[in-house]
PDB file of N, CA and C in Angstrom:
ATOM      1  N   ARG A   1      43.740  39.559 163.428  1.00  0.00           N
ATOM      2  CA  ARG A   1      44.831  40.277 164.046  1.00  0.00           C
ATOM      3  C   ARG A   1      45.978  40.498 163.089  1.00  0.00           C
ATOM      4  N   ALA A   2      46.299  39.488 162.313  1.00  0.00           N
ATOM      5  CA  ALA A   2      47.445  39.599 161.420  1.00  0.00           C
ATOM      6  C   ALA A   2      47.248  40.726 160.416  1.00  0.00           C
ATOM      7  N   VAL A   3      46.049  40.870 159.904  1.00  0.00           N
ATOM      8  CA  VAL A   3      45.771  41.928 158.932  1.00  0.00           C
ATOM      9  C   VAL A   3      45.886  43.298 159.585  1.00  0.00           C
ATOM     10  N   ALA A   4      45.343  43.454 160.764  1.00  0.00           N
ATOM     11  CA  ALA A   4      45.382  44.748 161.456  1.00  0.00           C
ATOM     12  C   ALA A   4      46.808  45.162 161.810  1.00  0.00           C
ATOM     13  N   LYS A   5      47.720  44.195 161.940  1.00  0.00           N
ATOM     14  CA  LYS A   5      49.103  44.510 162.320  1.00  0.00           C
ATOM     15  C   LYS A   5      50.013  44.802 161.127  1.00  0.00           C
ATOM     16  N   LEU A   6      49.502  44.716 159.919  1.00  0.00           N
ATOM     17  CA  LEU A   6      50.320  44.996 158.740  1.00  0.00           C
ATOM     18  C   LEU A   6      50.740  46.461 158.712  1.00  0.00           C
ATOM     19  N   ASP A   7      51.834  46.753 158.001  1.00  0.00           N
ATOM     20  CA  ASP A   7      52.249  48.153 157.873  1.00  0.00           C
ATOM     21  C   ASP A   7      51.363  48.868 156.844  1.00  0.00           C
ATOM     22  N   TYR A   8      51.553  50.166 156.726  1.00  0.00           N
ATOM     23  CA  TYR A   8      50.701  51.000 155.874  1.00  0.00           C
ATOM     24  C   TYR A   8      50.654  50.489 154.436  1.00  0.00           C
ATOM     25  N   ASN A   9      51.821  50.226 153.836  1.00  0.00           N
ATOM     26  CA  ASN A   9      51.868  49.798 152.433  1.00  0.00           C
ATOM     27  C   ASN A   9      51.184  48.454 152.220  1.00  0.00           C
ATOM     28  N   ALA A  10      51.382  47.532 153.130  1.00  0.00           N
ATOM     29  CA  ALA A  10      50.752  46.215 153.004  1.00  0.00           C
ATOM     30  C   ALA A  10      49.232  46.327 153.115  1.00  0.00           C
ATOM     31  N   LYS A  11      48.752  47.130 154.056  1.00  0.00           N
ATOM     32  CA  LYS A  11      47.301  47.338 154.186  1.00  0.00           C
ATOM     33  C   LYS A  11      46.739  47.971 152.923  1.00  0.00           C
ATOM     34  N   ASN A  12      47.454  48.944 152.377  1.00  0.00           N
ATOM     35  CA  ASN A  12      46.985  49.644 151.189  1.00  0.00           C
ATOM     36  C   ASN A  12      46.929  48.715 149.978  1.00  0.00           C
ATOM     37  N   ASP A  13      47.840  47.753 149.894  1.00  0.00           N
ATOM     38  CA  ASP A  13      47.836  46.787 148.800  1.00  0.00           C
ATOM     39  C   ASP A  13      46.763  45.722 148.977  1.00  0.00           C
ATOM     40  N   LEU A  14      46.547  45.286 150.199  1.00  0.00           N
ATOM     41  CA  LEU A  14      45.671  44.146 150.477  1.00  0.00           C
ATOM     42  C   LEU A  14      44.200  44.505 150.650  1.00  0.00           C
ATOM     43  N   LEU A  15      43.907  45.668 151.195  1.00  0.00           N
ATOM     44  CA  LEU A  15      42.542  45.977 151.623  1.00  0.00           C
ATOM     45  C   LEU A  15      41.861  47.008 150.732  1.00  0.00           C
ATOM     46  N   ARG A  16      40.534  46.920 150.676  1.00  0.00           N
ATOM     47  CA  ARG A  16      39.711  47.862 149.926  1.00  0.00           C
ATOM     48  C   ARG A  16      38.503  48.238 150.768  1.00  0.00           C
ATOM     49  N   LYS A  17      37.885  49.339 150.408  1.00  0.00           N
ATOM     50  CA  LYS A  17      36.660  49.814 151.067  1.00  0.00           C
ATOM     51  C   LYS A  17      35.495  49.467 150.153  1.00  0.00           C
ATOM     52  N   ILE A  18      34.402  48.991 150.741  1.00  0.00           N
ATOM     53  CA  ILE A  18      33.182  48.742 149.973  1.00  0.00           C
ATOM     54  C   ILE A  18      32.099  49.671 150.500  1.00  0.00           C
ATOM     55  N   GLU A  19      31.334  50.238 149.575  1.00  0.00           N
ATOM     56  CA  GLU A  19      30.296  51.204 149.934  1.00  0.00           C
ATOM     57  C   GLU A  19      29.040  50.947 149.120  1.00  0.00           C
ATOM     58  N   ASN A  20      27.923  51.377 149.663  1.00  0.00           N
ATOM     59  CA  ASN A  20      26.674  51.385 148.910  1.00  0.00           C
ATOM     60  C   ASN A  20      26.597  52.679 148.120  1.00  0.00           C
ATOM     61  N   LYS A  21      26.136  52.576 146.891  1.00  0.00           N
ATOM     62  CA  LYS A  21      25.903  53.758 146.057  1.00  0.00           C
ATOM     63  C   LYS A  21      24.482  53.635 145.516  1.00  0.00           C
ATOM     64  N   TYR A  22      23.639  54.561 145.922  1.00  0.00           N
ATOM     65  CA  TYR A  22      22.234  54.506 145.518  1.00  0.00           C
ATOM     66  C   TYR A  22      22.029  55.282 144.229  1.00  0.00           C
ATOM     67  N   LYS A  23      21.348  54.652 143.280  1.00  0.00           N
ATOM     68  CA  LYS A  23      21.027  55.290 142.007  1.00  0.00           C
ATOM     69  C   LYS A  23      19.519  55.267 141.824  1.00  0.00           C
ATOM     70  N   GLN A  24      19.040  56.256 141.129  1.00  0.00           N
ATOM     71  CA  GLN A  24      17.603  56.343 140.894  1.00  0.00           C
ATOM     72  C   GLN A  24      17.189  55.324 139.833  1.00  0.00           C
ATOM     73  N   ASP A  25      16.130  54.568 140.124  1.00  0.00           N
ATOM     74  CA  ASP A  25      15.621  53.608 139.157  1.00  0.00           C
ATOM     75  C   ASP A  25      14.612  54.300 138.234  1.00  0.00           C
ATOM     76  N   PRO A  26      14.105  53.594 137.216  1.00  0.00           N
ATOM     77  CA  PRO A  26      13.163  54.217 136.278  1.00  0.00           C
ATOM     78  C   PRO A  26      11.891  54.768 136.934  1.00  0.00           C
ATOM     79  N   ASP A  27      11.533  54.255 138.104  1.00  0.00           N
ATOM     80  CA  ASP A  27      10.339  54.746 138.804  1.00  0.00           C
ATOM     81  C   ASP A  27      10.632  55.966 139.668  1.00  0.00           C
ATOM     82  N   GLY A  28      11.888  56.397 139.709  1.00  0.00           N
ATOM     83  CA  GLY A  28      12.250  57.564 140.501  1.00  0.00           C
ATOM     84  C   GLY A  28      12.646  57.256 141.932  1.00  0.00           C
ATOM     85  N   ASN A  29      12.760  55.975 142.277  1.00  0.00           N
ATOM     86  CA  ASN A  29      13.150  55.580 143.636  1.00  0.00           C
ATOM     87  C   ASN A  29      14.664  55.401 143.728  1.00  0.00           C
ATOM     88  N   SER A  30      15.211  55.723 144.864  1.00  0.00           N
ATOM     89  CA  SER A  30      16.644  55.495 145.115  1.00  0.00           C
ATOM     90  C   SER A  30      16.800  54.523 146.276  1.00  0.00           C
ATOM     91  N   VAL A  31      16.224  53.335 146.134  1.00  0.00           N
ATOM     92  CA  VAL A  31      16.255  52.353 147.219  1.00  0.00           C
ATOM     93  C   VAL A  31      17.126  51.137 146.890  1.00  0.00           C
ATOM     94  N   TYR A  32      17.621  51.050 145.671  1.00  0.00           N
ATOM     95  CA  TYR A  32      18.440  49.912 145.275  1.00  0.00           C
ATOM     96  C   TYR A  32      19.888  50.355 145.162  1.00  0.00           C
ATOM     97  N   ALA A  33      20.736  49.738 145.944  1.00  0.00           N
ATOM     98  CA  ALA A  33      22.152  50.121 145.953  1.00  0.00           C
ATOM     99  C   ALA A  33      22.955  49.265 144.990  1.00  0.00           C
ATOM    100  N   THR A  34      24.010  49.861 144.475  1.00  0.00           N
ATOM    101  CA  THR A  34      25.082  49.099 143.861  1.00  0.00           C
ATOM    102  C   THR A  34      26.216  49.132 144.878  1.00  0.00           C
ATOM    103  N   ASN A  35      27.135  48.209 144.763  1.00  0.00           N
ATOM    104  CA  ASN A  35      28.297  48.229 145.650  1.00  0.00           C
ATOM    105  C   ASN A  35      29.492  48.776 144.882  1.00  0.00           C
ATOM    106  N   VAL A  36      30.242  49.631 145.530  1.00  0.00           N
ATOM    107  CA  VAL A  36      31.447  50.216 144.942  1.00  0.00           C
ATOM    108  C   VAL A  36      32.642  49.779 145.783  1.00  0.00           C
ATOM    109  N   VAL A  37      33.630  49.208 145.124  1.00  0.00           N
ATOM    110  CA  VAL A  37      34.881  48.828 145.777  1.00  0.00           C
ATOM    111  C   VAL A  37      35.940  49.819 145.317  1.00  0.00           C
ATOM    112  N   ARG A  38      36.647  50.400 146.277  1.00  0.00           N
ATOM    113  CA  ARG A  38      37.663  51.409 145.949  1.00  0.00           C
ATOM    114  C   ARG A  38      38.856  51.274 146.888  1.00  0.00           C
ATOM    115  N   ARG A  39      39.945  51.933 146.489  1.00  0.00           N
ATOM    116  CA  ARG A  39      41.151  51.973 147.333  1.00  0.00           C
ATOM    117  C   ARG A  39      40.875  52.800 148.577  1.00  0.00           C
ATOM    118  N   LEU A  40      41.628  52.556 149.602  1.00  0.00           N
ATOM    119  CA  LEU A  40      41.491  53.294 150.856  1.00  0.00           C
ATOM    120  C   LEU A  40      42.264  54.611 150.803  1.00  0.00           C
ATOM    121  N   THR A  41      41.752  55.597 151.508  1.00  0.00           N
ATOM    122  CA  THR A  41      42.501  56.840 151.679  1.00  0.00           C
ATOM    123  C   THR A  41      43.529  56.636 152.789  1.00  0.00           C
ATOM    124  N   MET A  42      44.450  57.563 152.913  1.00  0.00           N
ATOM    125  CA  MET A  42      45.476  57.464 153.957  1.00  0.00           C
ATOM    126  C   MET A  42      44.836  57.445 155.342  1.00  0.00           C
ATOM    127  N   ASP A  43      43.837  58.296 155.560  1.00  0.00           N
ATOM    128  CA  ASP A  43      43.151  58.333 156.858  1.00  0.00           C
ATOM    129  C   ASP A  43      42.458  57.014 157.163  1.00  0.00           C
ATOM    130  N   GLU A  44      41.839  56.415 156.140  1.00  0.00           N
ATOM    131  CA  GLU A  44      41.148  55.141 156.345  1.00  0.00           C
ATOM    132  C   GLU A  44      42.131  54.029 156.696  1.00  0.00           C
ATOM    133  N   VAL A  45      43.272  53.994 156.034  1.00  0.00           N
ATOM    134  CA  VAL A  45      44.285  52.974 156.338  1.00  0.00           C
ATOM    135  C   VAL A  45      44.763  53.118 157.778  1.00  0.00           C
ATOM    136  N   ASN A  46      44.979  54.347 158.211  1.00  0.00           N
ATOM    137  CA  ASN A  46      45.486  54.582 159.566  1.00  0.00           C
ATOM    138  C   ASN A  46      44.486  54.202 160.652  1.00  0.00           C
ATOM    139  N   LYS A  47      43.201  54.115 160.328  1.00  0.00           N
ATOM    140  CA  LYS A  47      42.173  53.717 161.304  1.00  0.00           C
ATOM    141  C   LYS A  47      42.146  52.212 161.545  1.00  0.00           C
ATOM    142  N   LEU A  48      42.775  51.443 160.682  1.00  0.00           N
ATOM    143  CA  LEU A  48      42.687  49.982 160.741  1.00  0.00           C
ATOM    144  C   LEU A  48      43.735  49.422 161.689  1.00  0.00           C
ATOM    145  N   ASN A  49      43.366  49.305 162.954  1.00  0.00           N
ATOM    146  CA  ASN A  49      44.320  48.852 163.962  1.00  0.00           C
ATOM    147  C   ASN A  49      43.813  47.675 164.785  1.00  0.00           C
ATOM    148  N   SER A  50      42.656  47.131 164.430  1.00  0.00           N
ATOM    149  CA  SER A  50      42.112  45.969 165.138  1.00  0.00           C
ATOM    150  C   SER A  50      41.167  45.222 164.205  1.00  0.00           C
ATOM    151  N   PHE A  51      40.812  44.027 164.601  1.00  0.00           N
ATOM    152  CA  PHE A  51      39.856  43.258 163.808  1.00  0.00           C
ATOM    153  C   PHE A  51      38.525  43.996 163.719  1.00  0.00           C
ATOM    154  N   ASP A  52      38.070  44.562 164.833  1.00  0.00           N
ATOM    155  CA  ASP A  52      36.806  45.304 164.837  1.00  0.00           C
ATOM    156  C   ASP A  52      36.841  46.490 163.885  1.00  0.00           C
ATOM    157  N   SER A  53      37.990  47.134 163.743  1.00  0.00           N
ATOM    158  CA  SER A  53      38.077  48.290 162.847  1.00  0.00           C
ATOM    159  C   SER A  53      37.895  47.881 161.386  1.00  0.00           C
ATOM    160  N   LEU A  54      38.242  46.643 161.038  1.00  0.00           N
ATOM    161  CA  LEU A  54      38.000  46.157 159.679  1.00  0.00           C
ATOM    162  C   LEU A  54      36.503  46.059 159.406  1.00  0.00           C
ATOM    163  N   ILE A  55      35.754  45.635 160.398  1.00  0.00           N
ATOM    164  CA  ILE A  55      34.302  45.517 160.267  1.00  0.00           C
ATOM    165  C   ILE A  55      33.653  46.894 160.258  1.00  0.00           C
ATOM    166  N   GLU A  56      34.033  47.730 161.199  1.00  0.00           N
ATOM    167  CA  GLU A  56      33.420  49.051 161.353  1.00  0.00           C
ATOM    168  C   GLU A  56      33.679  49.967 160.163  1.00  0.00           C
ATOM    169  N   ASN A  57      34.780  49.751 159.441  1.00  0.00           N
ATOM    170  CA  ASN A  57      35.141  50.615 158.317  1.00  0.00           C
ATOM    171  C   ASN A  57      34.819  50.000 156.959  1.00  0.00           C
ATOM    172  N   ASP A  58      34.009  48.936 156.947  1.00  0.00           N
ATOM    173  CA  ASP A  58      33.525  48.315 155.704  1.00  0.00           C
ATOM    174  C   ASP A  58      34.665  47.889 154.778  1.00  0.00           C
ATOM    175  N   ILE A  59      35.525  47.025 155.289  1.00  0.00           N
ATOM    176  CA  ILE A  59      36.723  46.600 154.570  1.00  0.00           C
ATOM    177  C   ILE A  59      36.528  45.209 153.970  1.00  0.00           C
ATOM    178  N   ILE A  60      37.056  45.040 152.757  1.00  0.00           N
ATOM    179  CA  ILE A  60      37.155  43.729 152.114  1.00  0.00           C
ATOM    180  C   ILE A  60      38.599  43.573 151.648  1.00  0.00           C
ATOM    181  N   THR A  61      38.968  42.367 151.243  1.00  0.00           N
ATOM    182  CA  THR A  61      40.303  42.184 150.684  1.00  0.00           C
ATOM    183  C   THR A  61      40.259  42.480 149.192  1.00  0.00           C
ATOM    184  N   SER A  62      41.400  42.850 148.642  1.00  0.00           N
ATOM    185  CA  SER A  62      41.455  43.160 147.215  1.00  0.00           C
ATOM    186  C   SER A  62      41.495  41.891 146.369  1.00  0.00           C
ATOM    187  N   ARG A  63      41.830  40.782 146.977  1.00  0.00           N
ATOM    188  CA  ARG A  63      41.920  39.519 146.242  1.00  0.00           C
ATOM    189  C   ARG A  63      40.531  39.092 145.783  1.00  0.00           C
ATOM    190  N   GLY A  64      40.346  39.049 144.491  1.00  0.00           N
ATOM    191  CA  GLY A  64      39.066  38.613 143.945  1.00  0.00           C
ATOM    192  C   GLY A  64      38.071  39.728 143.690  1.00  0.00           C
ATOM    193  N   TYR A  65      38.353  40.938 144.145  1.00  0.00           N
ATOM    194  CA  TYR A  65      37.424  42.058 143.962  1.00  0.00           C
ATOM    195  C   TYR A  65      38.165  43.245 143.370  1.00  0.00           C
ATOM    196  N   LYS A  66      37.790  43.631 142.163  1.00  0.00           N
ATOM    197  CA  LYS A  66      38.421  44.762 141.487  1.00  0.00           C
ATOM    198  C   LYS A  66      37.857  46.072 142.014  1.00  0.00           C
ATOM    199  N   ASP A  67      38.628  47.134 141.843  1.00  0.00           N
ATOM    200  CA  ASP A  67      38.153  48.478 142.174  1.00  0.00           C
ATOM    201  C   ASP A  67      37.172  48.886 141.083  1.00  0.00           C
ATOM    202  N   GLN A  68      35.887  48.789 141.388  1.00  0.00           N
ATOM    203  CA  GLN A  68      34.859  49.104 140.401  1.00  0.00           C
ATOM    204  C   GLN A  68      33.505  49.200 141.076  1.00  0.00           C
ATOM    205  N   GLU A  69      32.510  49.564 140.285  1.00  0.00           N
ATOM    206  CA  GLU A  69      31.127  49.553 140.744  1.00  0.00           C
ATOM    207  C   GLU A  69      30.512  48.226 140.325  1.00  0.00           C
ATOM    208  N   TYR A  70      29.914  47.535 141.273  1.00  0.00           N
ATOM    209  CA  TYR A  70      29.245  46.264 141.003  1.00  0.00           C
ATOM    210  C   TYR A  70      27.761  46.560 140.842  1.00  0.00           C
ATOM    211  N   LYS A  71      27.308  46.532 139.607  1.00  0.00           N
ATOM    212  CA  LYS A  71      25.951  46.967 139.284  1.00  0.00           C
ATOM    213  C   LYS A  71      24.902  45.964 139.741  1.00  0.00           C
ATOM    214  N   ARG A  72      23.664  46.428 139.756  1.00  0.00           N
ATOM    215  CA  ARG A  72      22.540  45.574 140.150  1.00  0.00           C
ATOM    216  C   ARG A  72      22.341  44.445 139.157  1.00  0.00           C
ATOM    217  N   ASN A  73      21.766  43.370 139.660  1.00  0.00           N
ATOM    218  CA  ASN A  73      21.421  42.197 138.857  1.00  0.00           C
ATOM    219  C   ASN A  73      22.633  41.568 138.181  1.00  0.00           C
ATOM    220  N   GLY A  74      23.774  41.639 138.844  1.00  0.00           N
ATOM    221  CA  GLY A  74      24.979  41.024 138.307  1.00  0.00           C
ATOM    222  C   GLY A  74      25.140  39.619 138.863  1.00  0.00           C
ATOM    223  N   TYR A  75      25.814  38.791 138.119  1.00  0.00           N
ATOM    224  CA  TYR A  75      26.092  37.431 138.579  1.00  0.00           C
ATOM    225  C   TYR A  75      27.535  37.396 139.068  1.00  0.00           C
ATOM    226  N   TYR A  76      27.751  37.938 140.257  1.00  0.00           N
ATOM    227  CA  TYR A  76      29.088  38.059 140.807  1.00  0.00           C
ATOM    228  C   TYR A  76      29.404  36.859 141.684  1.00  0.00           C
ATOM    229  N   THR A  77      30.662  36.505 141.700  1.00  0.00           N
ATOM    230  CA  THR A  77      31.134  35.394 142.510  1.00  0.00           C
ATOM    231  C   THR A  77      31.702  35.927 143.817  1.00  0.00           C
ATOM    232  N   ILE A  78      31.295  35.322 144.912  1.00  0.00           N
ATOM    233  CA  ILE A  78      31.864  35.636 146.212  1.00  0.00           C
ATOM    234  C   ILE A  78      32.929  34.584 146.489  1.00  0.00           C
ATOM    235  N   ASP A  79      34.172  35.010 146.557  1.00  0.00           N
ATOM    236  CA  ASP A  79      35.296  34.103 146.738  1.00  0.00           C
ATOM    237  C   ASP A  79      35.381  33.652 148.194  1.00  0.00           C
ATOM    238  N   LEU A  80      35.364  32.369 148.398  1.00  0.00           N
ATOM    239  CA  LEU A  80      35.400  31.794 149.738  1.00  0.00           C
ATOM    240  C   LEU A  80      36.655  32.200 150.516  1.00  0.00           C
ATOM    241  N   PHE A  81      37.758  32.390 149.814  1.00  0.00           N
ATOM    242  CA  PHE A  81      39.027  32.677 150.483  1.00  0.00           C
ATOM    243  C   PHE A  81      39.435  34.151 150.405  1.00  0.00           C
ATOM    244  N   SER A  82      38.503  35.021 150.090  1.00  0.00           N
ATOM    245  CA  SER A  82      38.753  36.470 150.077  1.00  0.00           C
ATOM    246  C   SER A  82      37.794  37.116 151.063  1.00  0.00           C
ATOM    247  N   PRO A  83      38.241  37.358 152.275  1.00  0.00           N
ATOM    248  CA  PRO A  83      37.339  37.829 153.332  1.00  0.00           C
ATOM    249  C   PRO A  83      36.651  39.158 153.031  1.00  0.00           C
ATOM    250  N   ILE A  84      35.394  39.216 153.407  1.00  0.00           N
ATOM    251  CA  ILE A  84      34.620  40.456 153.411  1.00  0.00           C
ATOM    252  C   ILE A  84      34.351  40.743 154.883  1.00  0.00           C
ATOM    253  N   TYR A  85      35.061  41.699 155.435  1.00  0.00           N
ATOM    254  CA  TYR A  85      34.888  42.039 156.846  1.00  0.00           C
ATOM    255  C   TYR A  85      33.666  42.921 157.041  1.00  0.00           C
ATOM    256  N   SER A  86      33.282  43.610 155.995  1.00  0.00           N
ATOM    257  CA  SER A  86      32.169  44.551 156.052  1.00  0.00           C
ATOM    258  C   SER A  86      30.845  43.827 156.246  1.00  0.00           C
ATOM    259  N   ALA A  87      29.925  44.510 156.858  1.00  0.00           N
ATOM    260  CA  ALA A  87      28.558  44.008 156.997  1.00  0.00           C
ATOM    261  C   ALA A  87      27.600  45.119 156.577  1.00  0.00           C
ATOM    262  N   LEU A  88      27.800  45.621 155.353  1.00  0.00           N
ATOM    263  CA  LEU A  88      26.963  46.718 154.863  1.00  0.00           C
ATOM    264  C   LEU A  88      25.496  46.333 154.882  1.00  0.00           C
ATOM    265  N   SER A  89      24.682  47.255 155.243  1.00  0.00           N
ATOM    266  CA  SER A  89      23.243  47.095 155.092  1.00  0.00           C
ATOM    267  C   SER A  89      22.750  48.341 154.379  1.00  0.00           C
ATOM    268  N   GLY A  90      21.508  48.319 153.971  1.00  0.00           N
ATOM    269  CA  GLY A  90      20.969  49.459 153.249  1.00  0.00           C
ATOM    270  C   GLY A  90      20.076  50.299 154.129  1.00  0.00           C
ATOM    271  N   GLU A  91      20.459  51.557 154.329  1.00  0.00           N
ATOM    272  CA  GLU A  91      19.612  52.452 155.125  1.00  0.00           C
ATOM    273  C   GLU A  91      18.313  52.764 154.389  1.00  0.00           C
ATOM    274  N   LYS A  92      18.381  52.789 153.062  1.00  0.00           N
ATOM    275  CA  LYS A  92      17.217  53.159 152.250  1.00  0.00           C
ATOM    276  C   LYS A  92      16.540  51.962 151.599  1.00  0.00           C
ATOM    277  N   GLY A  93      17.255  50.847 151.506  1.00  0.00           N
ATOM    278  CA  GLY A  93      16.692  49.700 150.794  1.00  0.00           C
ATOM    279  C   GLY A  93      17.684  48.561 150.749  1.00  0.00           C
ATOM    280  N   THR A  94      17.827  47.951 149.579  1.00  0.00           N
ATOM    281  CA  THR A  94      18.690  46.782 149.438  1.00  0.00           C
ATOM    282  C   THR A  94      20.167  47.155 149.510  1.00  0.00           C
ATOM    283  N   PRO A  95      21.019  46.233 149.989  1.00  0.00           N
ATOM    284  CA  PRO A  95      22.425  46.563 150.203  1.00  0.00           C
ATOM    285  C   PRO A  95      23.348  46.376 149.001  1.00  0.00           C
ATOM    286  N   GLY A  96      22.876  46.032 147.853  1.00  0.00           N
ATOM    287  CA  GLY A  96      23.742  45.820 146.697  1.00  0.00           C
ATOM    288  C   GLY A  96      24.021  44.345 146.471  1.00  0.00           C
ATOM    289  N   ASP A  97      24.462  44.026 145.253  1.00  0.00           N
ATOM    290  CA  ASP A  97      24.603  42.626 144.861  1.00  0.00           C
ATOM    291  C   ASP A  97      25.681  41.863 145.622  1.00  0.00           C
ATOM    292  N   LEU A  98      26.854  42.444 145.801  1.00  0.00           N
ATOM    293  CA  LEU A  98      27.904  41.717 146.534  1.00  0.00           C
ATOM    294  C   LEU A  98      27.487  41.450 147.971  1.00  0.00           C
ATOM    295  N   MET A  99      26.974  42.460 148.638  1.00  0.00           N
ATOM    296  CA  MET A  99      26.570  42.293 150.040  1.00  0.00           C
ATOM    297  C   MET A  99      25.356  41.374 150.155  1.00  0.00           C
ATOM    298  N   GLY A 100      24.433  41.483 149.240  1.00  0.00           N
ATOM    299  CA  GLY A 100      23.263  40.598 149.253  1.00  0.00           C
ATOM    300  C   GLY A 100      23.660  39.142 149.103  1.00  0.00           C
ATOM    301  N   ARG A 101      24.591  38.896 148.212  1.00  0.00           N
ATOM    302  CA  ARG A 101      25.065  37.525 147.995  1.00  0.00           C
ATOM    303  C   ARG A 101      25.830  37.016 149.217  1.00  0.00           C
ATOM    304  N   ARG A 102      26.647  37.877 149.818  1.00  0.00           N
ATOM    305  CA  ARG A 102      27.379  37.488 151.033  1.00  0.00           C
ATOM    306  C   ARG A 102      26.412  37.106 152.144  1.00  0.00           C
ATOM    307  N   ILE A 103      25.366  37.900 152.324  1.00  0.00           N
ATOM    308  CA  ILE A 103      24.360  37.614 153.348  1.00  0.00           C
ATOM    309  C   ILE A 103      23.673  36.280 153.062  1.00  0.00           C
ATOM    310  N   ALA A 104      23.355  36.030 151.797  1.00  0.00           N
ATOM    311  CA  ALA A 104      22.710  34.765 151.426  1.00  0.00           C
ATOM    312  C   ALA A 104      23.602  33.574 151.766  1.00  0.00           C
ATOM    313  N   PHE A 105      24.892  33.678 151.482  1.00  0.00           N
ATOM    314  CA  PHE A 105      25.808  32.585 151.802  1.00  0.00           C
ATOM    315  C   PHE A 105      25.946  32.386 153.302  1.00  0.00           C
ATOM    316  N   GLU A 106      25.933  33.469 154.067  1.00  0.00           N
ATOM    317  CA  GLU A 106      25.989  33.333 155.526  1.00  0.00           C
ATOM    318  C   GLU A 106      24.748  32.624 156.053  1.00  0.00           C
ATOM    319  N   LEU A 107      23.596  32.942 155.492  1.00  0.00           N
ATOM    320  CA  LEU A 107      22.369  32.261 155.911  1.00  0.00           C
ATOM    321  C   LEU A 107      22.415  30.778 155.560  1.00  0.00           C
ATOM    322  N   LEU A 108      22.924  30.453 154.370  1.00  0.00           N
ATOM    323  CA  LEU A 108      23.066  29.041 154.003  1.00  0.00           C
ATOM    324  C   LEU A 108      24.019  28.322 154.955  1.00  0.00           C
ATOM    325  N   ALA A 109      25.101  28.980 155.327  1.00  0.00           N
ATOM    326  CA  ALA A 109      26.060  28.366 156.251  1.00  0.00           C
ATOM    327  C   ALA A 109      25.443  28.153 157.626  1.00  0.00           C
ATOM    328  N   ALA A 110      24.639  29.099 158.073  1.00  0.00           N
ATOM    329  CA  ALA A 110      24.047  29.008 159.415  1.00  0.00           C
ATOM    330  C   ALA A 110      22.867  28.046 159.466  1.00  0.00           C
ATOM    331  N   LYS A 111      22.046  28.067 158.439  1.00  0.00           N
ATOM    332  CA  LYS A 111      20.796  27.300 158.468  1.00  0.00           C
ATOM    333  C   LYS A 111      20.841  26.018 157.652  1.00  0.00           C
ATOM    334  N   GLY A 112      21.802  25.912 156.754  1.00  0.00           N
ATOM    335  CA  GLY A 112      21.883  24.724 155.918  1.00  0.00           C
ATOM    336  C   GLY A 112      21.073  24.874 154.646  1.00  0.00           C
ATOM    337  N   TYR A 113      21.227  23.899 153.758  1.00  0.00           N
ATOM    338  CA  TYR A 113      20.543  23.918 152.472  1.00  0.00           C
ATOM    339  C   TYR A 113      19.702  22.657 152.358  1.00  0.00           C
ATOM    340  N   LYS A 114      18.388  22.846 152.268  1.00  0.00           N
ATOM    341  CA  LYS A 114      17.492  21.694 152.099  1.00  0.00           C
ATOM    342  C   LYS A 114      16.438  22.028 151.098  1.00  0.00           C
TER     343      LYS A 114
END
């Protein structure tokens, strides 16, 4: 709730959009996504008015995540204290390294590590 109630400038400073970007691999398939983190547009910021809107609009915090493309097979760190509200999945294939790692950590949290 606190994040959704921030003013326009605070949301624009704190929040980022994460997206899947599919690139063709050497075999000609476009099923492996990279994740792209970018600044929000004015329209996107104005849509963020509830906790659910953070999830529905694929939002993450800017803390710990630079505006860049996160390429495949990267060893990226998922910061425990930098929320990822997004739950990206891949319509064509894998969801990208950041999202894949986030999903793995959620499974470890839910099922445990043995």
